[in-house]
């Protein structure tokens, strides 16, 4: 289920995952040279958001593992939650490069690239 939290810093997801519960997502702007990890502040945000929404509280000790990733954005915005999710495709001879986008646009993006080929 997707749970939209009325906060200025975005929303979070609560998903069933391999018999467990996956909490996700935050969007924090960071530099490419910074470590890609789920920070203490992001963990705290997700726990607080979950506990503000559901009756059965969770604690940091309940976390079994964490992961993080970077999503490159085509255009920037001061608030990363409002940054564009558009993508651009460039082809130089036999090399096709994709800039921007997100996972939910992957299918339409793949169709566009296949059409170029």
PDB file of N, CA and C in Angstrom:
ATOM      1  N   UNK A   1       0.836  -1.166   0.000  1.00  0.00           N
ATOM      2  CA  UNK A   1       0.000   0.000   0.000  1.00  0.00           C
ATOM      3  C   UNK A   1       0.883   1.232   0.000  1.00  0.00           C
ATOM      4  N   UNK A   2       0.450   2.246  -0.669  1.00  0.00           N
ATOM      5  CA  UNK A   2       1.164   3.528  -0.640  1.00  0.00           C
ATOM      6  C   UNK A   2       0.502   4.403   0.399  1.00  0.00           C
ATOM      7  N   UNK A   3       1.303   4.986   1.231  1.00  0.00           N
ATOM      8  CA  UNK A   3       0.788   5.874   2.266  1.00  0.00           C
ATOM      9  C   UNK A   3       1.378   7.256   2.008  1.00  0.00           C
ATOM     10  N   UNK A   4       0.527   8.212   1.682  1.00  0.00           N
ATOM     11  CA  UNK A   4       0.990   9.581   1.494  1.00  0.00           C
ATOM     12  C   UNK A   4       0.921  10.291   2.829  1.00  0.00           C
ATOM     13  N   UNK A   5       2.037  10.805   3.264  1.00  0.00           N
ATOM     14  CA  UNK A   5       2.106  11.511   4.528  1.00  0.00           C
ATOM     15  C   UNK A   5       2.109  13.000   4.233  1.00  0.00           C
ATOM     16  N   UNK A   6       1.254  13.735   4.898  1.00  0.00           N
ATOM     17  CA  UNK A   6       1.176  15.177   4.698  1.00  0.00           C
ATOM     18  C   UNK A   6       2.361  15.851   5.379  1.00  0.00           C
ATOM     19  N   UNK A   7       3.483  15.850   4.720  1.00  0.00           N
ATOM     20  CA  UNK A   7       4.688  16.480   5.236  1.00  0.00           C
ATOM     21  C   UNK A   7       5.343  17.208   4.068  1.00  0.00           C
ATOM     22  N   UNK A   8       6.172  18.151   4.386  1.00  0.00           N
ATOM     23  CA  UNK A   8       6.861  18.868   3.314  1.00  0.00           C
ATOM     24  C   UNK A   8       7.977  18.031   2.713  1.00  0.00           C
ATOM     25  N   UNK A   9       8.413  16.974   3.416  1.00  0.00           N
ATOM     26  CA  UNK A   9       9.529  16.191   2.914  1.00  0.00           C
ATOM     27  C   UNK A   9       9.100  14.941   2.157  1.00  0.00           C
ATOM     28  N   UNK A  10       7.836  14.840   1.762  1.00  0.00           N
ATOM     29  CA  UNK A  10       7.448  13.782   0.857  1.00  0.00           C
ATOM     30  C   UNK A  10       6.500  12.755   1.430  1.00  0.00           C
ATOM     31  N   UNK A  11       6.575  11.565   0.882  1.00  0.00           N
ATOM     32  CA  UNK A  11       5.717  10.472   1.284  1.00  0.00           C
ATOM     33  C   UNK A  11       6.580   9.235   1.499  1.00  0.00           C
ATOM     34  N   UNK A  12       5.944   8.175   1.978  1.00  0.00           N
ATOM     35  CA  UNK A  12       6.679   6.932   2.140  1.00  0.00           C
ATOM     36  C   UNK A  12       5.791   5.772   1.722  1.00  0.00           C
ATOM     37  N   UNK A  13       6.411   4.634   1.464  1.00  0.00           N
ATOM     38  CA  UNK A  13       5.716   3.438   1.041  1.00  0.00           C
ATOM     39  C   UNK A  13       5.872   2.364   2.099  1.00  0.00           C
ATOM     40  N   UNK A  14       4.827   1.573   2.274  1.00  0.00           N
ATOM     41  CA  UNK A  14       4.867   0.394   3.125  1.00  0.00           C
ATOM     42  C   UNK A  14       4.474  -0.759   2.221  1.00  0.00           C
ATOM     43  N   UNK A  15       5.410  -1.662   1.953  1.00  0.00           N
ATOM     44  CA  UNK A  15       5.194  -2.734   0.991  1.00  0.00           C
ATOM     45  C   UNK A  15       5.508  -4.092   1.603  1.00  0.00           C
ATOM     46  N   UNK A  16       4.717  -5.122   1.276  1.00  0.00           N
ATOM     47  CA  UNK A  16       5.112  -6.469   1.685  1.00  0.00           C
ATOM     48  C   UNK A  16       6.314  -6.900   0.844  1.00  0.00           C
ATOM     49  N   UNK A  17       7.291  -7.514   1.471  1.00  0.00           N
ATOM     50  CA  UNK A  17       8.500  -7.907   0.753  1.00  0.00           C
ATOM     51  C   UNK A  17       9.083  -9.169   1.385  1.00  0.00           C
ATOM     52  N   UNK A  18       8.930 -10.301   0.686  1.00  0.00           N
ATOM     53  CA  UNK A  18       9.496 -11.578   1.124  1.00  0.00           C
ATOM     54  C   UNK A  18       9.126 -11.904   2.569  1.00  0.00           C
ATOM     55  N   UNK A  19       7.855 -11.756   2.899  1.00  0.00           N
ATOM     56  CA  UNK A  19       7.371 -12.078   4.227  1.00  0.00           C
ATOM     57  C   UNK A  19       7.686 -11.029   5.286  1.00  0.00           C
ATOM     58  N   UNK A  20       8.274  -9.947   4.883  1.00  0.00           N
ATOM     59  CA  UNK A  20       8.619  -8.851   5.807  1.00  0.00           C
ATOM     60  C   UNK A  20       7.915  -7.585   5.316  1.00  0.00           C
ATOM     61  N   UNK A  21       8.254  -6.472   5.904  1.00  0.00           N
ATOM     62  CA  UNK A  21       7.700  -5.182   5.488  1.00  0.00           C
ATOM     63  C   UNK A  21       8.844  -4.278   5.051  1.00  0.00           C
ATOM     64  N   UNK A  22       8.673  -3.670   3.895  1.00  0.00           N
ATOM     65  CA  UNK A  22       9.669  -2.742   3.359  1.00  0.00           C
ATOM     66  C   UNK A  22       9.121  -1.328   3.502  1.00  0.00           C
ATOM     67  N   UNK A  23       9.882  -0.470   4.161  1.00  0.00           N
ATOM     68  CA  UNK A  23       9.537   0.954   4.258  1.00  0.00           C
ATOM     69  C   UNK A  23      10.440   1.703   3.296  1.00  0.00           C
ATOM     70  N   UNK A  24       9.847   2.594   2.552  1.00  0.00           N
ATOM     71  CA  UNK A  24      10.601   3.352   1.585  1.00  0.00           C
ATOM     72  C   UNK A  24       9.791   4.597   1.334  1.00  0.00           C
ATOM     73  N   UNK A  25      10.118   5.629   0.920  1.00  0.00           N
ATOM     74  CA  UNK A  25      11.253   6.147   0.268  1.00  0.00           C
ATOM     75  C   UNK A  25      11.411   7.560   0.758  1.00  0.00           C
ATOM     76  N   UNK A  26      12.591   8.017   0.766  1.00  0.00           N
ATOM     77  CA  UNK A  26      12.819   9.428   1.025  1.00  0.00           C
ATOM     78  C   UNK A  26      13.591   9.970  -0.163  1.00  0.00           C
ATOM     79  N   UNK A  27      13.547  11.257  -0.328  1.00  0.00           N
ATOM     80  CA  UNK A  27      14.314  11.880  -1.394  1.00  0.00           C
ATOM     81  C   UNK A  27      15.158  12.969  -0.774  1.00  0.00           C
ATOM     82  N   UNK A  28      16.435  12.708  -0.745  1.00  0.00           N
ATOM     83  CA  UNK A  28      17.378  13.639  -0.159  1.00  0.00           C
ATOM     84  C   UNK A  28      18.420  13.983  -1.211  1.00  0.00           C
ATOM     85  N   UNK A  29      18.594  15.254  -1.440  1.00  0.00           N
ATOM     86  CA  UNK A  29      19.606  15.682  -2.403  1.00  0.00           C
ATOM     87  C   UNK A  29      20.988  15.381  -1.825  1.00  0.00           C
ATOM     88  N   UNK A  30      21.879  14.849  -2.647  1.00  0.00           N
ATOM     89  CA  UNK A  30      23.236  14.607  -2.189  1.00  0.00           C
ATOM     90  C   UNK A  30      24.207  14.706  -3.349  1.00  0.00           C
ATOM     91  N   UNK A  31      25.456  14.928  -3.006  1.00  0.00           N
ATOM     92  CA  UNK A  31      26.515  15.027  -4.010  1.00  0.00           C
ATOM     93  C   UNK A  31      26.958  13.622  -4.401  1.00  0.00           C
ATOM     94  N   UNK A  32      27.476  13.486  -5.591  1.00  0.00           N
ATOM     95  CA  UNK A  32      27.900  12.172  -6.079  1.00  0.00           C
ATOM     96  C   UNK A  32      29.044  11.569  -5.268  1.00  0.00           C
ATOM     97  N   UNK A  33      29.835  12.402  -4.593  1.00  0.00           N
ATOM     98  CA  UNK A  33      30.964  11.874  -3.831  1.00  0.00           C
ATOM     99  C   UNK A  33      30.578  11.469  -2.405  1.00  0.00           C
ATOM    100  N   UNK A  34      29.318  11.665  -2.019  1.00  0.00           N
ATOM    101  CA  UNK A  34      28.865  11.263  -0.688  1.00  0.00           C
ATOM    102  C   UNK A  34      28.522   9.769  -0.691  1.00  0.00           C
ATOM    103  N   UNK A  35      28.677   9.096   0.460  1.00  0.00           N
ATOM    104  CA  UNK A  35      28.332   7.669   0.507  1.00  0.00           C
ATOM    105  C   UNK A  35      26.836   7.459   0.269  1.00  0.00           C
ATOM    106  N   UNK A  36      26.507   6.411  -0.472  1.00  0.00           N
ATOM    107  CA  UNK A  36      25.119   6.090  -0.770  1.00  0.00           C
ATOM    108  C   UNK A  36      24.636   5.097   0.290  1.00  0.00           C
ATOM    109  N   UNK A  37      24.034   5.631   1.342  1.00  0.00           N
ATOM    110  CA  UNK A  37      23.543   4.821   2.461  1.00  0.00           C
ATOM    111  C   UNK A  37      22.235   5.433   2.971  1.00  0.00           C
ATOM    112  N   UNK A  38      21.475   4.637   3.672  1.00  0.00           N
ATOM    113  CA  UNK A  38      20.296   5.158   4.362  1.00  0.00           C
ATOM    114  C   UNK A  38      20.796   5.807   5.638  1.00  0.00           C
ATOM    115  N   UNK A  39      20.700   7.116   5.696  1.00  0.00           N
ATOM    116  CA  UNK A  39      21.262   7.867   6.830  1.00  0.00           C
ATOM    117  C   UNK A  39      20.408   7.693   8.086  1.00  0.00           C
ATOM    118  N   UNK A  40      20.960   8.073   9.202  1.00  0.00           N
ATOM    119  CA  UNK A  40      20.241   8.040  10.479  1.00  0.00           C
ATOM    120  C   UNK A  40      19.006   8.933  10.399  1.00  0.00           C
ATOM    121  N   UNK A  41      19.128  10.100   9.792  1.00  0.00           N
ATOM    122  CA  UNK A  41      17.971  11.002   9.701  1.00  0.00           C
ATOM    123  C   UNK A  41      16.875  10.415   8.810  1.00  0.00           C
ATOM    124  N   UNK A  42      17.249   9.724   7.725  1.00  0.00           N
ATOM    125  CA  UNK A  42      16.243   9.081   6.876  1.00  0.00           C
ATOM    126  C   UNK A  42      15.557   7.939   7.622  1.00  0.00           C
ATOM    127  N   UNK A  43      16.350   7.148   8.350  1.00  0.00           N
ATOM    128  CA  UNK A  43      15.786   6.062   9.165  1.00  0.00           C
ATOM    129  C   UNK A  43      14.803   6.627  10.180  1.00  0.00           C
ATOM    130  N   UNK A  44      15.209   7.678  10.871  1.00  0.00           N
ATOM    131  CA  UNK A  44      14.337   8.311  11.868  1.00  0.00           C
ATOM    132  C   UNK A  44      13.053   8.825  11.226  1.00  0.00           C
ATOM    133  N   UNK A  45      13.174   9.440  10.045  1.00  0.00           N
ATOM    134  CA  UNK A  45      12.004   9.942   9.327  1.00  0.00           C
ATOM    135  C   UNK A  45      11.029   8.810   9.020  1.00  0.00           C
ATOM    136  N   UNK A  46      11.545   7.699   8.482  1.00  0.00           N
ATOM    137  CA  UNK A  46      10.674   6.588   8.102  1.00  0.00           C
ATOM    138  C   UNK A  46       9.995   5.963   9.317  1.00  0.00           C
ATOM    139  N   UNK A  47      10.735   5.795  10.405  1.00  0.00           N
ATOM    140  CA  UNK A  47      10.149   5.239  11.629  1.00  0.00           C
ATOM    141  C   UNK A  47       9.065   6.176  12.170  1.00  0.00           C
ATOM    142  N   UNK A  48       9.349   7.462  12.205  1.00  0.00           N
ATOM    143  CA  UNK A  48       8.372   8.444  12.696  1.00  0.00           C
ATOM    144  C   UNK A  48       7.132   8.468  11.805  1.00  0.00           C
ATOM    145  N   UNK A  49       7.334   8.500  10.498  1.00  0.00           N
ATOM    146  CA  UNK A  49       6.202   8.525   9.566  1.00  0.00           C
ATOM    147  C   UNK A  49       5.343   7.273   9.729  1.00  0.00           C
ATOM    148  N   UNK A  50       5.980   6.119   9.856  1.00  0.00           N
ATOM    149  CA  UNK A  50       5.248   4.870  10.053  1.00  0.00           C
ATOM    150  C   UNK A  50       4.460   4.930  11.363  1.00  0.00           C
ATOM    151  N   UNK A  51       5.124   5.316  12.430  1.00  0.00           N
ATOM    152  CA  UNK A  51       4.476   5.343  13.740  1.00  0.00           C
ATOM    153  C   UNK A  51       3.364   6.388  13.827  1.00  0.00           C
ATOM    154  N   UNK A  52       3.458   7.465  13.048  1.00  0.00           N
ATOM    155  CA  UNK A  52       2.400   8.468  13.004  1.00  0.00           C
ATOM    156  C   UNK A  52       1.175   7.964  12.237  1.00  0.00           C
ATOM    157  N   UNK A  53       1.369   6.917  11.412  1.00  0.00           N
ATOM    158  CA  UNK A  53       0.320   6.443  10.529  1.00  0.00           C
ATOM    159  C   UNK A  53      -0.340   5.147  11.017  1.00  0.00           C
ATOM    160  N   UNK A  54       0.439   4.257  11.606  1.00  0.00           N
ATOM    161  CA  UNK A  54      -0.051   2.940  11.997  1.00  0.00           C
ATOM    162  C   UNK A  54      -0.095   2.788  13.520  1.00  0.00           C
ATOM    163  N   UNK A  55      -0.956   1.869  13.975  1.00  0.00           N
ATOM    164  CA  UNK A  55      -1.138   1.645  15.409  1.00  0.00           C
ATOM    165  C   UNK A  55      -0.022   0.828  16.052  1.00  0.00           C
ATOM    166  N   UNK A  56       0.592  -0.074  15.307  1.00  0.00           N
ATOM    167  CA  UNK A  56       1.646  -0.922  15.877  1.00  0.00           C
ATOM    168  C   UNK A  56       3.011  -0.267  15.662  1.00  0.00           C
ATOM    169  N   UNK A  57       3.567   0.370  16.695  1.00  0.00           N
ATOM    170  CA  UNK A  57       4.822   1.108  16.523  1.00  0.00           C
ATOM    171  C   UNK A  57       6.003   0.197  16.199  1.00  0.00           C
ATOM    172  N   UNK A  58       6.941   0.764  15.467  1.00  0.00           N
ATOM    173  CA  UNK A  58       8.197   0.073  15.177  1.00  0.00           C
ATOM    174  C   UNK A  58       9.337   0.894  15.765  1.00  0.00           C
ATOM    175  N   UNK A  59      10.477   0.223  15.910  1.00  0.00           N
ATOM    176  CA  UNK A  59      11.645   0.851  16.513  1.00  0.00           C
ATOM    177  C   UNK A  59      12.865   0.544  15.669  1.00  0.00           C
ATOM    178  N   UNK A  60      13.906   1.297  15.864  1.00  0.00           N
ATOM    179  CA  UNK A  60      15.140   1.073  15.102  1.00  0.00           C
ATOM    180  C   UNK A  60      15.640  -0.356  15.276  1.00  0.00           C
ATOM    181  N   UNK A  61      15.435  -0.951  16.429  1.00  0.00           N
ATOM    182  CA  UNK A  61      15.869  -2.330  16.675  1.00  0.00           C
ATOM    183  C   UNK A  61      15.104  -3.343  15.819  1.00  0.00           C
ATOM    184  N   UNK A  62      13.978  -2.946  15.214  1.00  0.00           N
ATOM    185  CA  UNK A  62      13.207  -3.829  14.342  1.00  0.00           C
ATOM    186  C   UNK A  62      13.786  -3.907  12.930  1.00  0.00           C
ATOM    187  N   UNK A  63      14.705  -3.038  12.590  1.00  0.00           N
ATOM    188  CA  UNK A  63      15.264  -2.992  11.232  1.00  0.00           C
ATOM    189  C   UNK A  63      16.210  -4.171  11.022  1.00  0.00           C
ATOM    190  N   UNK A  64      15.932  -4.957   9.973  1.00  0.00           N
ATOM    191  CA  UNK A  64      16.776  -6.112   9.653  1.00  0.00           C
ATOM    192  C   UNK A  64      17.901  -5.744   8.694  1.00  0.00           C
ATOM    193  N   UNK A  65      17.623  -4.830   7.774  1.00  0.00           N
ATOM    194  CA  UNK A  65      18.639  -4.375   6.825  1.00  0.00           C
ATOM    195  C   UNK A  65      18.155  -3.084   6.181  1.00  0.00           C
ATOM    196  N   UNK A  66      19.055  -2.421   5.486  1.00  0.00           N
ATOM    197  CA  UNK A  66      18.689  -1.195   4.775  1.00  0.00           C
ATOM    198  C   UNK A  66      19.507  -1.105   3.496  1.00  0.00           C
ATOM    199  N   UNK A  67      19.020  -0.303   2.580  1.00  0.00           N
ATOM    200  CA  UNK A  67      19.754  -0.057   1.343  1.00  0.00           C
ATOM    201  C   UNK A  67      19.389   1.327   0.843  1.00  0.00           C
ATOM    202  N   UNK A  68      20.182   1.823  -0.072  1.00  0.00           N
ATOM    203  CA  UNK A  68      19.948   3.151  -0.639  1.00  0.00           C
ATOM    204  C   UNK A  68      20.410   3.153  -2.091  1.00  0.00           C
ATOM    205  N   UNK A  69      19.929   4.102  -2.832  1.00  0.00           N
ATOM    206  CA  UNK A  69      20.343   4.255  -4.218  1.00  0.00           C
ATOM    207  C   UNK A  69      20.214   5.709  -4.630  1.00  0.00           C
ATOM    208  N   UNK A  70      20.783   6.016  -5.763  1.00  0.00           N
ATOM    209  CA  UNK A  70      20.700   7.368  -6.310  1.00  0.00           C
ATOM    210  C   UNK A  70      19.826   7.363  -7.545  1.00  0.00           C
ATOM    211  N   UNK A  71      19.045   8.407  -7.709  1.00  0.00           N
ATOM    212  CA  UNK A  71      18.252   8.570  -8.923  1.00  0.00           C
ATOM    213  C   UNK A  71      18.686   9.870  -9.583  1.00  0.00           C
ATOM    214  N   UNK A  72      19.373   9.770 -10.706  1.00  0.00           N
ATOM    215  CA  UNK A  72      19.777  10.996 -11.397  1.00  0.00           C
ATOM    216  C   UNK A  72      18.559  11.661 -12.033  1.00  0.00           C
ATOM    217  N   UNK A  73      18.466  12.960 -11.859  1.00  0.00           N
ATOM    218  CA  UNK A  73      17.341  13.713 -12.407  1.00  0.00           C
ATOM    219  C   UNK A  73      17.815  14.609 -13.537  1.00  0.00           C
ATOM    220  N   UNK A  74      16.987  14.724 -14.553  1.00  0.00           N
ATOM    221  CA  UNK A  74      17.323  15.513 -15.726  1.00  0.00           C
ATOM    222  C   UNK A  74      17.389  17.001 -15.409  1.00  0.00           C
ATOM    223  N   UNK A  75      16.406  17.493 -14.661  1.00  0.00           N
ATOM    224  CA  UNK A  75      16.374  18.898 -14.263  1.00  0.00           C
ATOM    225  C   UNK A  75      16.336  18.963 -12.754  1.00  0.00           C
ATOM    226  N   UNK A  76      16.962  19.954 -12.212  1.00  0.00           N
ATOM    227  CA  UNK A  76      17.051  20.072 -10.766  1.00  0.00           C
ATOM    228  C   UNK A  76      15.948  20.983 -10.232  1.00  0.00           C
ATOM    229  N   UNK A  77      15.682  20.847  -8.969  1.00  0.00           N
ATOM    230  CA  UNK A  77      14.737  21.692  -8.263  1.00  0.00           C
ATOM    231  C   UNK A  77      15.229  21.794  -6.830  1.00  0.00           C
ATOM    232  N   UNK A  78      14.994  22.902  -6.196  1.00  0.00           N
ATOM    233  CA  UNK A  78      15.444  23.078  -4.816  1.00  0.00           C
ATOM    234  C   UNK A  78      14.893  21.984  -3.901  1.00  0.00           C
ATOM    235  N   UNK A  79      13.640  21.613  -4.090  1.00  0.00           N
ATOM    236  CA  UNK A  79      13.003  20.536  -3.338  1.00  0.00           C
ATOM    237  C   UNK A  79      13.059  19.272  -4.196  1.00  0.00           C
ATOM    238  N   UNK A  80      13.833  18.232  -3.803  1.00  0.00           N
ATOM    239  CA  UNK A  80      13.960  17.042  -4.638  1.00  0.00           C
ATOM    240  C   UNK A  80      12.638  16.324  -4.880  1.00  0.00           C
ATOM    241  N   UNK A  81      11.639  16.495  -4.004  1.00  0.00           N
ATOM    242  CA  UNK A  81      10.333  15.875  -4.217  1.00  0.00           C
ATOM    243  C   UNK A  81       9.588  16.504  -5.388  1.00  0.00           C
ATOM    244  N   UNK A  82       9.995  17.690  -5.785  1.00  0.00           N
ATOM    245  CA  UNK A  82       9.337  18.386  -6.882  1.00  0.00           C
ATOM    246  C   UNK A  82      10.173  18.378  -8.171  1.00  0.00           C
ATOM    247  N   UNK A  83      11.306  17.737  -8.151  1.00  0.00           N
ATOM    248  CA  UNK A  83      12.168  17.688  -9.334  1.00  0.00           C
ATOM    249  C   UNK A  83      11.490  16.879 -10.437  1.00  0.00           C
ATOM    250  N   UNK A  84      11.735  17.244 -11.653  1.00  0.00           N
ATOM    251  CA  UNK A  84      11.125  16.579 -12.796  1.00  0.00           C
ATOM    252  C   UNK A  84      11.576  15.122 -12.898  1.00  0.00           C
ATOM    253  N   UNK A  85      10.712  14.279 -13.403  1.00  0.00           N
ATOM    254  CA  UNK A  85      11.056  12.878 -13.651  1.00  0.00           C
ATOM    255  C   UNK A  85      11.156  12.612 -15.158  1.00  0.00           C
ATOM    256  N   UNK A  86      11.267  13.693 -15.926  1.00  0.00           N
ATOM    257  CA  UNK A  86      11.403  13.556 -17.377  1.00  0.00           C
ATOM    258  C   UNK A  86      12.710  12.862 -17.718  1.00  0.00           C
ATOM    259  N   UNK A  87      12.787  12.355 -18.942  1.00  0.00           N
ATOM    260  CA  UNK A  87      14.027  11.751 -19.397  1.00  0.00           C
ATOM    261  C   UNK A  87      14.373  12.264 -20.786  1.00  0.00           C
ATOM    262  N   UNK A  88      15.609  12.111 -21.134  1.00  0.00           N
ATOM    263  CA  UNK A  88      16.091  12.498 -22.461  1.00  0.00           C
ATOM    264  C   UNK A  88      16.936  11.359 -23.000  1.00  0.00           C
ATOM    265  N   UNK A  89      16.762  11.059 -24.275  1.00  0.00           N
ATOM    266  CA  UNK A  89      17.533  10.007 -24.934  1.00  0.00           C
ATOM    267  C   UNK A  89      18.429  10.673 -25.963  1.00  0.00           C
ATOM    268  N   UNK A  90      19.713  10.360 -25.916  1.00  0.00           N
ATOM    269  CA  UNK A  90      20.654  10.868 -26.916  1.00  0.00           C
ATOM    270  C   UNK A  90      21.341   9.679 -27.577  1.00  0.00           C
ATOM    271  N   UNK A  91      21.532   9.790 -28.879  1.00  0.00           N
ATOM    272  CA  UNK A  91      22.236   8.740 -29.604  1.00  0.00           C
ATOM    273  C   UNK A  91      23.412   9.349 -30.349  1.00  0.00           C
ATOM    274  N   UNK A  92      24.573   8.775 -30.143  1.00  0.00           N
ATOM    275  CA  UNK A  92      25.791   9.173 -30.832  1.00  0.00           C
ATOM    276  C   UNK A  92      26.357   7.906 -31.453  1.00  0.00           C
ATOM    277  N   UNK A  93      26.170   7.814 -32.765  1.00  0.00           N
ATOM    278  CA  UNK A  93      26.527   6.601 -33.504  1.00  0.00           C
ATOM    279  C   UNK A  93      25.819   5.398 -32.894  1.00  0.00           C
ATOM    280  N   UNK A  94      26.550   4.410 -32.377  1.00  0.00           N
ATOM    281  CA  UNK A  94      25.915   3.192 -31.860  1.00  0.00           C
ATOM    282  C   UNK A  94      25.624   3.243 -30.358  1.00  0.00           C
ATOM    283  N   UNK A  95      25.913   4.363 -29.721  1.00  0.00           N
ATOM    284  CA  UNK A  95      25.717   4.472 -28.277  1.00  0.00           C
ATOM    285  C   UNK A  95      24.457   5.286 -27.986  1.00  0.00           C
ATOM    286  N   UNK A  96      23.560   4.689 -27.194  1.00  0.00           N
ATOM    287  CA  UNK A  96      22.348   5.372 -26.749  1.00  0.00           C
ATOM    288  C   UNK A  96      22.497   5.642 -25.255  1.00  0.00           C
ATOM    289  N   UNK A  97      22.308   6.892 -24.865  1.00  0.00           N
ATOM    290  CA  UNK A  97      22.424   7.277 -23.460  1.00  0.00           C
ATOM    291  C   UNK A  97      21.086   7.834 -22.990  1.00  0.00           C
ATOM    292  N   UNK A  98      20.674   7.430 -21.805  1.00  0.00           N
ATOM    293  CA  UNK A  98      19.427   7.905 -21.216  1.00  0.00           C
ATOM    294  C   UNK A  98      19.776   8.770 -20.009  1.00  0.00           C
ATOM    295  N   UNK A  99      19.207   9.946 -19.955  1.00  0.00           N
ATOM    296  CA  UNK A  99      19.391  10.862 -18.831  1.00  0.00           C
ATOM    297  C   UNK A  99      18.052  11.039 -18.131  1.00  0.00           C
ATOM    298  N   UNK A 100      18.042  10.951 -16.799  1.00  0.00           N
ATOM    299  CA  UNK A 100      16.825  11.187 -16.030  1.00  0.00           C
ATOM    300  C   UNK A 100      15.905   9.990 -16.013  1.00  0.00           C
ATOM    301  N   UNK A 101      14.610  10.251 -15.852  1.00  0.00           N
ATOM    302  CA  UNK A 101      13.612   9.201 -15.779  1.00  0.00           C
ATOM    303  C   UNK A 101      13.477   8.621 -14.387  1.00  0.00           C
ATOM    304  N   UNK A 102      12.667   7.591 -14.278  1.00  0.00           N
ATOM    305  CA  UNK A 102      12.510   6.844 -13.032  1.00  0.00           C
ATOM    306  C   UNK A 102      11.969   5.471 -13.382  1.00  0.00           C
ATOM    307  N   UNK A 103      11.928   4.597 -12.384  1.00  0.00           N
ATOM    308  CA  UNK A 103      11.522   3.212 -12.652  1.00  0.00           C
ATOM    309  C   UNK A 103      10.123   3.130 -13.251  1.00  0.00           C
ATOM    310  N   UNK A 104       9.213   3.987 -12.856  1.00  0.00           N
ATOM    311  CA  UNK A 104       7.850   3.906 -13.369  1.00  0.00           C
ATOM    312  C   UNK A 104       7.744   4.322 -14.835  1.00  0.00           C
ATOM    313  N   UNK A 105       8.788   4.928 -15.377  1.00  0.00           N
ATOM    314  CA  UNK A 105       8.783   5.271 -16.797  1.00  0.00           C
ATOM    315  C   UNK A 105       9.594   4.269 -17.616  1.00  0.00           C
ATOM    316  N   UNK A 106      10.099   3.206 -16.975  1.00  0.00           N
ATOM    317  CA  UNK A 106      11.002   2.275 -17.648  1.00  0.00           C
ATOM    318  C   UNK A 106      10.367   1.616 -18.869  1.00  0.00           C
ATOM    319  N   UNK A 107       9.109   1.212 -18.783  1.00  0.00           N
ATOM    320  CA  UNK A 107       8.461   0.525 -19.905  1.00  0.00           C
ATOM    321  C   UNK A 107       8.333   1.451 -21.119  1.00  0.00           C
ATOM    322  N   UNK A 108       7.811   2.656 -20.910  1.00  0.00           N
ATOM    323  CA  UNK A 108       7.659   3.579 -22.040  1.00  0.00           C
ATOM    324  C   UNK A 108       9.019   3.989 -22.583  1.00  0.00           C
ATOM    325  N   UNK A 109       9.995   4.118 -21.705  1.00  0.00           N
ATOM    326  CA  UNK A 109      11.354   4.442 -22.128  1.00  0.00           C
ATOM    327  C   UNK A 109      11.939   3.323 -22.987  1.00  0.00           C
ATOM    328  N   UNK A 110      11.737   2.079 -22.567  1.00  0.00           N
ATOM    329  CA  UNK A 110      12.236   0.929 -23.329  1.00  0.00           C
ATOM    330  C   UNK A 110      11.598   0.873 -24.719  1.00  0.00           C
ATOM    331  N   UNK A 111      10.305   1.161 -24.803  1.00  0.00           N
ATOM    332  CA  UNK A 111       9.622   1.162 -26.101  1.00  0.00           C
ATOM    333  C   UNK A 111      10.205   2.239 -27.017  1.00  0.00           C
ATOM    334  N   UNK A 112      10.494   3.392 -26.448  1.00  0.00           N
ATOM    335  CA  UNK A 112      11.064   4.481 -27.245  1.00  0.00           C
ATOM    336  C   UNK A 112      12.451   4.119 -27.761  1.00  0.00           C
ATOM    337  N   UNK A 113      13.256   3.502 -26.907  1.00  0.00           N
ATOM    338  CA  UNK A 113      14.598   3.094 -27.315  1.00  0.00           C
ATOM    339  C   UNK A 113      14.521   1.994 -28.377  1.00  0.00           C
ATOM    340  N   UNK A 114      13.613   1.034 -28.201  1.00  0.00           N
ATOM    341  CA  UNK A 114      13.445  -0.036 -29.186  1.00  0.00           C
ATOM    342  C   UNK A 114      13.042   0.540 -30.541  1.00  0.00           C
ATOM    343  N   UNK A 115      12.203   1.553 -30.538  1.00  0.00           N
ATOM    344  CA  UNK A 115      11.786   2.197 -31.786  1.00  0.00           C
ATOM    345  C   UNK A 115      12.979   2.876 -32.465  1.00  0.00           C
ATOM    346  N   UNK A 116      13.895   3.449 -31.670  1.00  0.00           N
ATOM    347  CA  UNK A 116      15.085   4.087 -32.247  1.00  0.00           C
ATOM    348  C   UNK A 116      16.001   3.052 -32.905  1.00  0.00           C
ATOM    349  N   UNK A 117      16.065   1.872 -32.298  1.00  0.00           N
ATOM    350  CA  UNK A 117      16.926   0.822 -32.835  1.00  0.00           C
ATOM    351  C   UNK A 117      16.380   0.296 -34.132  1.00  0.00           C
TER     352      UNK A 117
END
